[in-house]
C-alpha atoms as a PDB file:
ATOM      1  CA  UNK A   1       4.290  15.711  -8.058  1.00  0.00           C
ATOM      2  CA  UNK A   2       2.039  14.870  -5.312  1.00  0.00           C
ATOM      3  CA  UNK A   3      -1.882  16.463  -6.048  1.00  0.00           C
ATOM      4  CA  UNK A   4      -4.014  16.993  -3.075  1.00  0.00           C
ATOM      5  CA  UNK A   5      -7.147  15.438  -3.493  1.00  0.00           C
ATOM      6  CA  UNK A   6      -9.278  16.321  -0.325  1.00  0.00           C
ATOM      7  CA  UNK A   7      -8.447  17.007   3.424  1.00  0.00           C
ATOM      8  CA  UNK A   8      -5.364  14.617   4.046  1.00  0.00           C
ATOM      9  CA  UNK A   9      -5.105  12.666   0.821  1.00  0.00           C
ATOM     10  CA  UNK A  10      -2.922  12.938  -2.010  1.00  0.00           C
ATOM     11  CA  UNK A  11      -2.109  11.205  -4.791  1.00  0.00           C
ATOM     12  CA  UNK A  12       0.862  11.097  -7.395  1.00  0.00           C
ATOM     13  CA  UNK A  13       1.120   9.606 -10.957  1.00  0.00           C
ATOM     14  CA  UNK A  14       3.225   8.196 -13.631  1.00  0.00           C
ATOM     15  CA  UNK A  15       3.106   6.857 -17.140  1.00  0.00           C
ATOM     16  CA  UNK A  16       2.857   2.814 -17.613  1.00  0.00           C
ATOM     17  CA  UNK A  17       2.483   1.000 -20.741  1.00  0.00           C
ATOM     18  CA  UNK A  18       0.448  -2.376 -20.289  1.00  0.00           C
ATOM     19  CA  UNK A  19       0.338  -4.956 -23.247  1.00  0.00           C
ATOM     20  CA  UNK A  20       1.227  -1.818 -25.178  1.00  0.00           C
ATOM     21  CA  UNK A  21      -1.157   0.552 -24.021  1.00  0.00           C
ATOM     22  CA  UNK A  22      -0.779   3.638 -21.993  1.00  0.00           C
ATOM     23  CA  UNK A  23      -2.568   3.143 -18.863  1.00  0.00           C
ATOM     24  CA  UNK A  24      -1.002   5.139 -16.301  1.00  0.00           C
ATOM     25  CA  UNK A  25      -0.773   4.280 -12.688  1.00  0.00           C
ATOM     26  CA  UNK A  26      -1.044   6.063  -9.316  1.00  0.00           C
ATOM     27  CA  UNK A  27       0.006   5.817  -5.797  1.00  0.00           C
ATOM     28  CA  UNK A  28      -2.335   7.249  -3.099  1.00  0.00           C
ATOM     29  CA  UNK A  29      -0.530   8.903   0.124  1.00  0.00           C
ATOM     30  CA  UNK A  30      -2.718   9.564   3.441  1.00  0.00           C
ATOM     31  CA  UNK A  31      -1.920  11.562   6.303  1.00  0.00           C
ATOM     32  CA  UNK A  32      -3.222  10.214   9.869  1.00  0.00           C
ATOM     33  CA  UNK A  33      -4.101  12.707  12.373  1.00  0.00           C
ATOM     34  CA  UNK A  34      -0.732  11.642  14.063  1.00  0.00           C
ATOM     35  CA  UNK A  35       0.737  13.403  10.812  1.00  0.00           C
ATOM     36  CA  UNK A  36       2.350  10.031   9.868  1.00  0.00           C
ATOM     37  CA  UNK A  37       2.018   9.046   6.371  1.00  0.00           C
ATOM     38  CA  UNK A  38       0.358   5.840   4.630  1.00  0.00           C
ATOM     39  CA  UNK A  39       1.670   5.089   1.046  1.00  0.00           C
ATOM     40  CA  UNK A  40      -0.617   2.663  -0.731  1.00  0.00           C
ATOM     41  CA  UNK A  41       0.865   1.403  -4.176  1.00  0.00           C
ATOM     42  CA  UNK A  42       4.072   3.300  -4.240  1.00  0.00           C
ATOM     43  CA  UNK A  43       5.412   4.724  -7.813  1.00  0.00           C
ATOM     44  CA  UNK A  44       8.689   5.897  -8.550  1.00  0.00           C
ATOM     45  CA  UNK A  45       9.248   9.729  -7.099  1.00  0.00           C
ATOM     46  CA  UNK A  46      11.216  12.192  -7.837  1.00  0.00           C
ATOM     47  CA  UNK A  47      13.024  14.458  -5.708  1.00  0.00           C
ATOM     48  CA  UNK A  48      10.370  17.214  -5.918  1.00  0.00           C
ATOM     49  CA  UNK A  49       7.856  14.601  -4.798  1.00  0.00           C
ATOM     50  CA  UNK A  50       9.590  13.474  -1.931  1.00  0.00           C
ATOM     51  CA  UNK A  51      10.345  16.969  -0.993  1.00  0.00           C
ATOM     52  CA  UNK A  52       6.169  17.151  -0.546  1.00  0.00           C
ATOM     53  CA  UNK A  53       5.919  13.858   1.326  1.00  0.00           C
ATOM     54  CA  UNK A  54       8.434  15.166   3.617  1.00  0.00           C
ATOM     55  CA  UNK A  55       6.801  18.610   3.983  1.00  0.00           C
ATOM     56  CA  UNK A  56       3.183  16.654   5.048  1.00  0.00           C
ATOM     57  CA  UNK A  57       4.546  14.267   7.600  1.00  0.00           C
ATOM     58  CA  UNK A  58       6.528  11.171   8.258  1.00  0.00           C
ATOM     59  CA  UNK A  59       6.113   7.925   6.230  1.00  0.00           C
ATOM     60  CA  UNK A  60       5.485   5.140   8.604  1.00  0.00           C
ATOM     61  CA  UNK A  61       3.640   2.371   6.591  1.00  0.00           C
ATOM     62  CA  UNK A  62       4.078   1.422   2.523  1.00  0.00           C
ATOM     63  CA  UNK A  63       1.992  -0.591   1.370  1.00  0.00           C
ATOM     64  CA  UNK A  64       1.716  -3.150  -1.726  1.00  0.00           C
ATOM     65  CA  UNK A  65      -2.056  -3.562  -2.178  1.00  0.00           C
ATOM     66  CA  UNK A  66      -2.114  -6.566  -4.566  1.00  0.00           C
ATOM     67  CA  UNK A  67       0.080  -9.055  -5.861  1.00  0.00           C
ATOM     68  CA  UNK A  68       0.793  -7.171  -8.801  1.00  0.00           C
ATOM     69  CA  UNK A  69       1.553  -3.679  -7.534  1.00  0.00           C
ATOM     70  CA  UNK A  70       5.104  -4.238  -5.658  1.00  0.00           C
ATOM     71  CA  UNK A  71       7.687  -3.346  -8.053  1.00  0.00           C
ATOM     72  CA  UNK A  72       8.384   0.053  -6.586  1.00  0.00           C
ATOM     73  CA  UNK A  73       8.400  -1.341  -2.729  1.00  0.00           C
ATOM     74  CA  UNK A  74      11.981  -1.708  -2.471  1.00  0.00           C
ATOM     75  CA  UNK A  75      13.242   1.650  -3.999  1.00  0.00           C
ATOM     76  CA  UNK A  76      10.418   3.111  -1.639  1.00  0.00           C
ATOM     77  CA  UNK A  77      11.479   1.690   1.437  1.00  0.00           C
ATOM     78  CA  UNK A  78      15.155   2.465   0.425  1.00  0.00           C
ATOM     79  CA  UNK A  79      14.174   6.397   0.460  1.00  0.00           C
ATOM     80  CA  UNK A  80      12.323   5.848   3.717  1.00  0.00           C
ATOM     81  CA  UNK A  81      14.250   3.061   5.791  1.00  0.00           C
ATOM     82  CA  UNK A  82      11.886   3.364   8.938  1.00  0.00           C
ATOM     83  CA  UNK A  83       8.715   2.703   7.267  1.00  0.00           C
ATOM     84  CA  UNK A  84       6.759  -0.690   7.707  1.00  0.00           C
ATOM     85  CA  UNK A  85       6.051  -2.609   4.666  1.00  0.00           C
ATOM     86  CA  UNK A  86       2.435  -3.789   4.604  1.00  0.00           C
ATOM     87  CA  UNK A  87       1.373  -6.384   1.725  1.00  0.00           C
ATOM     88  CA  UNK A  88      -1.274  -8.306   0.251  1.00  0.00           C
ATOM     89  CA  UNK A  89      -1.870 -11.957   1.446  1.00  0.00           C
ATOM     90  CA  UNK A  90       0.780 -13.881  -0.992  1.00  0.00           C
ATOM     91  CA  UNK A  91       3.522 -11.497  -1.872  1.00  0.00           C
ATOM     92  CA  UNK A  92       5.692 -13.059   0.889  1.00  0.00           C
ATOM     93  CA  UNK A  93       5.907 -15.962  -1.535  1.00  0.00           C
ATOM     94  CA  UNK A  94       6.056 -13.969  -4.369  1.00  0.00           C
ATOM     95  CA  UNK A  95       8.383 -11.264  -3.187  1.00  0.00           C
ATOM     96  CA  UNK A  96      10.970 -13.462  -0.571  1.00  0.00           C
ATOM     97  CA  UNK A  97      13.492 -10.567  -1.343  1.00  0.00           C
ATOM     98  CA  UNK A  98      10.778  -8.482   0.130  1.00  0.00           C
ATOM     99  CA  UNK A  99      11.063  -7.968   4.449  1.00  0.00           C
ATOM    100  CA  UNK A 100       7.106  -7.493   4.830  1.00  0.00           C
ATOM    101  CA  UNK A 101       6.449  -6.956   8.351  1.00  0.00           C
ATOM    102  CA  UNK A 102       2.203  -7.386   8.309  1.00  0.00           C
ATOM    103  CA  UNK A 103       0.334  -8.959   5.990  1.00  0.00           C
ATOM    104  CA  UNK A 104      -3.210  -7.431   5.761  1.00  0.00           C
ATOM    105  CA  UNK A 105      -6.482  -9.161   5.266  1.00  0.00           C
ATOM    106  CA  UNK A 106      -9.180  -6.627   7.151  1.00  0.00           C
ATOM    107  CA  UNK A 107      -9.011  -4.026   9.976  1.00  0.00           C
ATOM    108  CA  UNK A 108      -8.138  -0.303  10.053  1.00  0.00           C
ATOM    109  CA  UNK A 109      -5.066   1.728   9.781  1.00  0.00           C
ATOM    110  CA  UNK A 110      -4.165   4.994  12.117  1.00  0.00           C
ATOM    111  CA  UNK A 111      -4.503   5.376  15.847  1.00  0.00           C
ATOM    112  CA  UNK A 112      -7.950   6.558  15.390  1.00  0.00           C
ATOM    113  CA  UNK A 113      -8.986   4.260  12.851  1.00  0.00           C
ATOM    114  CA  UNK A 114      -9.062   6.434   9.667  1.00  0.00           C
ATOM    115  CA  UNK A 115      -8.671   4.058   7.093  1.00  0.00           C
ATOM    116  CA  UNK A 116     -10.849   0.922   6.619  1.00  0.00           C
ATOM    117  CA  UNK A 117      -9.483  -2.241   4.660  1.00  0.00           C
ATOM    118  CA  UNK A 118     -10.353  -5.715   3.790  1.00  0.00           C
ATOM    119  CA  UNK A 119      -9.420  -8.461   0.997  1.00  0.00           C
ATOM    120  CA  UNK A 120     -11.375  -8.215  -2.167  1.00  0.00           C
ATOM    121  CA  UNK A 121     -12.002 -12.197  -2.233  1.00  0.00           C
ATOM    122  CA  UNK A 122     -12.670 -14.060  -5.178  1.00  0.00           C
ATOM    123  CA  UNK A 123     -11.087 -12.011  -7.925  1.00  0.00           C
ATOM    124  CA  UNK A 124      -9.015 -13.349 -10.496  1.00  0.00           C
ATOM    125  CA  UNK A 125      -7.064 -11.726 -13.734  1.00  0.00           C
ATOM    126  CA  UNK A 126      -6.273 -13.080 -16.706  1.00  0.00           C
ATOM    127  CA  UNK A 127      -2.756 -12.644 -17.739  1.00  0.00           C
ATOM    128  CA  UNK A 128       0.312 -14.120 -19.952  1.00  0.00           C
ATOM    129  CA  UNK A 129       0.333 -16.912 -17.692  1.00  0.00           C
ATOM    130  CA  UNK A 130      -3.553 -18.026 -17.580  1.00  0.00           C
ATOM    131  CA  UNK A 131      -5.611 -16.913 -14.784  1.00  0.00           C
ATOM    132  CA  UNK A 132      -3.946 -15.929 -11.230  1.00  0.00           C
ATOM    133  CA  UNK A 133      -5.071 -14.654  -8.155  1.00  0.00           C
ATOM    134  CA  UNK A 134      -5.166 -10.591  -7.413  1.00  0.00           C
ATOM    135  CA  UNK A 135      -5.389 -10.785  -3.939  1.00  0.00           C
ATOM    136  CA  UNK A 136      -6.299  -6.784  -3.453  1.00  0.00           C
ATOM    137  CA  UNK A 137      -6.837  -5.041  -0.664  1.00  0.00           C
ATOM    138  CA  UNK A 138      -9.276  -2.293  -0.927  1.00  0.00           C
ATOM    139  CA  UNK A 139      -9.093   0.755   1.300  1.00  0.00           C
ATOM    140  CA  UNK A 140     -11.887   3.433   2.537  1.00  0.00           C
ATOM    141  CA  UNK A 141     -10.302   6.650   3.809  1.00  0.00           C
ATOM    142  CA  UNK A 142     -13.260   8.148   6.228  1.00  0.00           C
ATOM    143  CA  UNK A 143     -12.390  11.818   6.337  1.00  0.00           C
ATOM    144  CA  UNK A 144     -12.251  12.357   2.482  1.00  0.00           C
ATOM    145  CA  UNK A 145     -15.170   9.575   1.698  1.00  0.00           C
ATOM    146  CA  UNK A 146     -12.675   8.090  -0.367  1.00  0.00           C
ATOM    147  CA  UNK A 147     -12.304   4.689  -1.760  1.00  0.00           C
ATOM    148  CA  UNK A 148      -9.157   3.307  -3.169  1.00  0.00           C
ATOM    149  CA  UNK A 149      -9.146   0.579  -5.672  1.00  0.00           C
ATOM    150  CA  UNK A 150      -5.852  -0.921  -7.361  1.00  0.00           C
ATOM    151  CA  UNK A 151      -6.743  -3.538 -10.311  1.00  0.00           C
ATOM    152  CA  UNK A 152     -10.431  -4.617  -8.923  1.00  0.00           C
ATOM    153  CA  UNK A 153     -11.913  -1.270 -11.636  1.00  0.00           C
ATOM    154  CA  UNK A 154     -10.676   0.866 -13.928  1.00  0.00           C
ATOM    155  CA  UNK A 155     -12.135   4.190 -15.317  1.00  0.00           C
ATOM    156  CA  UNK A 156     -10.812   5.585 -18.670  1.00  0.00           C
ATOM    157  CA  UNK A 157     -11.736   8.952 -20.165  1.00  0.00           C
ATOM    158  CA  UNK A 158     -11.050  10.962 -23.318  1.00  0.00           C
ATOM    159  CA  UNK A 159      -7.785  12.000 -20.949  1.00  0.00           C
ATOM    160  CA  UNK A 160      -6.240   9.013 -22.361  1.00  0.00           C
ATOM    161  CA  UNK A 161      -4.654   8.019 -25.911  1.00  0.00           C
ATOM    162  CA  UNK A 162      -6.706   7.287 -28.592  1.00  0.00           C
ATOM    163  CA  UNK A 163      -5.926   3.562 -28.903  1.00  0.00           C
ATOM    164  CA  UNK A 164      -6.479   3.147 -24.889  1.00  0.00           C
ATOM    165  CA  UNK A 165     -10.066   4.805 -25.303  1.00  0.00           C
ATOM    166  CA  UNK A 166     -10.305   2.312 -28.215  1.00  0.00           C
ATOM    167  CA  UNK A 167      -9.333  -0.757 -26.572  1.00  0.00           C
ATOM    168  CA  UNK A 168     -11.392  -0.022 -23.074  1.00  0.00           C
ATOM    169  CA  UNK A 169     -14.655   0.701 -25.077  1.00  0.00           C
ATOM    170  CA  UNK A 170     -14.164  -3.133 -26.581  1.00  0.00           C
ATOM    171  CA  UNK A 171     -12.755  -4.815 -23.092  1.00  0.00           C
ATOM    172  CA  UNK A 172     -14.488  -2.266 -20.590  1.00  0.00           C
ATOM    173  CA  UNK A 173     -13.306   0.465 -18.388  1.00  0.00           C
ATOM    174  CA  UNK A 174     -14.116   3.282 -20.873  1.00  0.00           C
ATOM    175  CA  UNK A 175     -16.278   6.026 -19.198  1.00  0.00           C
ATOM    176  CA  UNK A 176     -17.519   2.721 -16.801  1.00  0.00           C
ATOM    177  CA  UNK A 177     -16.059   1.515 -13.382  1.00  0.00           C
ATOM    178  CA  UNK A 178     -15.411  -1.633 -13.554  1.00  0.00           C
ATOM    179  CA  UNK A 179     -13.213  -4.706 -14.619  1.00  0.00           C
ATOM    180  CA  UNK A 180     -12.262  -5.502 -17.985  1.00  0.00           C
ATOM    181  CA  UNK A 181     -13.834  -8.170 -19.584  1.00  0.00           C
ATOM    182  CA  UNK A 182     -10.460 -10.087 -18.759  1.00  0.00           C
ATOM    183  CA  UNK A 183     -11.278 -10.119 -15.036  1.00  0.00           C
ATOM    184  CA  UNK A 184     -14.933 -11.179 -15.670  1.00  0.00           C
ATOM    185  CA  UNK A 185     -13.512 -14.405 -17.620  1.00  0.00           C
ATOM    186  CA  UNK A 186     -10.925 -15.030 -14.937  1.00  0.00           C
ATOM    187  CA  UNK A 187     -13.596 -15.219 -12.152  1.00  0.00           C
ATOM    188  CA  UNK A 188     -15.128 -17.950 -11.173  1.00  0.00           C
ATOM    189  CA  UNK A 189     -16.030 -17.693  -7.878  1.00  0.00           C
ATOM    190  CA  UNK A 190     -18.475 -15.253  -8.520  1.00  0.00           C
ATOM    191  CA  UNK A 191     -20.137 -15.553  -4.988  1.00  0.00           C
ATOM    192  CA  UNK A 192     -17.373 -14.134  -3.085  1.00  0.00           C
ATOM    193  CA  UNK A 193     -16.610 -11.557  -5.714  1.00  0.00           C
ATOM    194  CA  UNK A 194     -20.635 -10.514  -4.976  1.00  0.00           C
ATOM    195  CA  UNK A 195     -19.962 -10.671  -0.948  1.00  0.00           C
ATOM    196  CA  UNK A 196     -16.985  -8.463  -1.461  1.00  0.00           C
ATOM    197  CA  UNK A 197     -18.282  -5.854  -3.888  1.00  0.00           C
ATOM    198  CA  UNK A 198     -21.437  -5.852  -1.541  1.00  0.00           C
ATOM    199  CA  UNK A 199     -18.855  -5.030   2.165  1.00  0.00           C
ATOM    200  CA  UNK A 200     -17.531  -2.195  -0.578  1.00  0.00           C
ATOM    201  CA  UNK A 201     -20.828  -0.811  -1.291  1.00  0.00           C
ATOM    202  CA  UNK A 202     -21.477  -0.609   2.185  1.00  0.00           C
ATOM    203  CA  UNK A 203     -18.925   1.808   3.041  1.00  0.00           C
ATOM    204  CA  UNK A 204     -20.151   5.582   2.988  1.00  0.00           C
ATOM    205  CA  UNK A 205     -17.929   6.853  -0.189  1.00  0.00           C
ATOM    206  CA  UNK A 206     -18.166   9.478  -2.693  1.00  0.00           C
ATOM    207  CA  UNK A 207     -15.146   9.301  -4.493  1.00  0.00           C
ATOM    208  CA  UNK A 208     -13.360   6.569  -6.250  1.00  0.00           C
ATOM    209  CA  UNK A 209      -9.381   6.557  -6.411  1.00  0.00           C
ATOM    210  CA  UNK A 210      -8.069   3.966  -9.105  1.00  0.00           C
ATOM    211  CA  UNK A 211      -4.565   3.045  -9.635  1.00  0.00           C
ATOM    212  CA  UNK A 212      -5.026   2.802 -13.602  1.00  0.00           C
ATOM    213  CA  UNK A 213      -7.529   5.435 -15.163  1.00  0.00           C
ATOM    214  CA  UNK A 214      -9.004   8.957 -13.665  1.00  0.00           C
ATOM    215  CA  UNK A 215     -10.245   9.808 -10.257  1.00  0.00           C
ATOM    216  CA  UNK A 216     -14.269   9.443 -10.409  1.00  0.00           C
ATOM    217  CA  UNK A 217     -15.252  12.804  -7.307  1.00  0.00           C
ATOM    218  CA  UNK A 218     -18.888  12.397  -7.235  1.00  0.00           C
ATOM    219  CA  UNK A 219     -21.458   9.596  -7.565  1.00  0.00           C
ATOM    220  CA  UNK A 220     -18.841   6.986  -7.627  1.00  0.00           C
ATOM    221  CA  UNK A 221     -20.635   4.606  -5.518  1.00  0.00           C
ATOM    222  CA  UNK A 222     -23.312   4.046  -8.203  1.00  0.00           C
ATOM    223  CA  UNK A 223     -21.132   3.847 -10.825  1.00  0.00           C
ATOM    224  CA  UNK A 224     -19.505   0.987  -9.446  1.00  0.00           C
ATOM    225  CA  UNK A 225     -22.096  -0.640  -8.120  1.00  0.00           C
ATOM    226  CA  UNK A 226     -23.171  -0.855 -12.085  1.00  0.00           C
ATOM    227  CA  UNK A 227     -19.997  -1.651 -13.070  1.00  0.00           C
ATOM    228  CA  UNK A 228     -20.508  -4.410 -10.806  1.00  0.00           C
ATOM    229  CA  UNK A 229     -23.775  -5.485 -11.789  1.00  0.00           C
ATOM    230  CA  UNK A 230     -22.920  -8.245 -13.557  1.00  0.00           C
ATOM    231  CA  UNK A 231     -21.932 -10.418 -10.308  1.00  0.00           C
ATOM    232  CA  UNK A 232     -24.343  -8.240  -8.270  1.00  0.00           C
ATOM    233  CA  UNK A 233     -27.530  -9.452 -10.491  1.00  0.00           C
ATOM    234  CA  UNK A 234     -26.401 -13.421 -10.278  1.00  0.00           C
END
């Protein structure tokens, strides 16, 4: 089900287990002033959610924001065949089966530039294959003063299962808006990451919507700045 976050912005959530932990996942839905809908990081949706989306506008853009959040792109496209697929750089090689209409790097979305975005450079992750690029596009929705992140920061609180809380206390992301220690170990190009987070912090956001964890409604910029102090101070 869609949950309204603020004016012209909604989220929908579903359960997701990663390395045995319940971390959840979240997609963001934004309505342009034209009435067109942008969906960032789509998830599997039920009929009720589809009806809610259809009630607020017409889906025109489906976005895979990094090289990991793409699993539901094809399913979402089948529901909204007229929508264009926008993706992070590199996904065209990773998923040649998906017809990508545009590769995002830096710019705006909407006739009135309601959403700003850019590629968060230098960010790496540590997964089962070793160190991999994330190539995440981060977004800023001006009207709601919302920053939309996918895997460049997490925020887990007491609403998550105890095992998730305990693990995040150890590796990072428990009541802190930050990457985990796995990302910190993988990142070598700290200068690029520093430049990227400084660009993010120049945006006038109050709220941060993460894909994994809980939404931070207030003072999120300060929390994000603190969560990236390990690179900002370098």
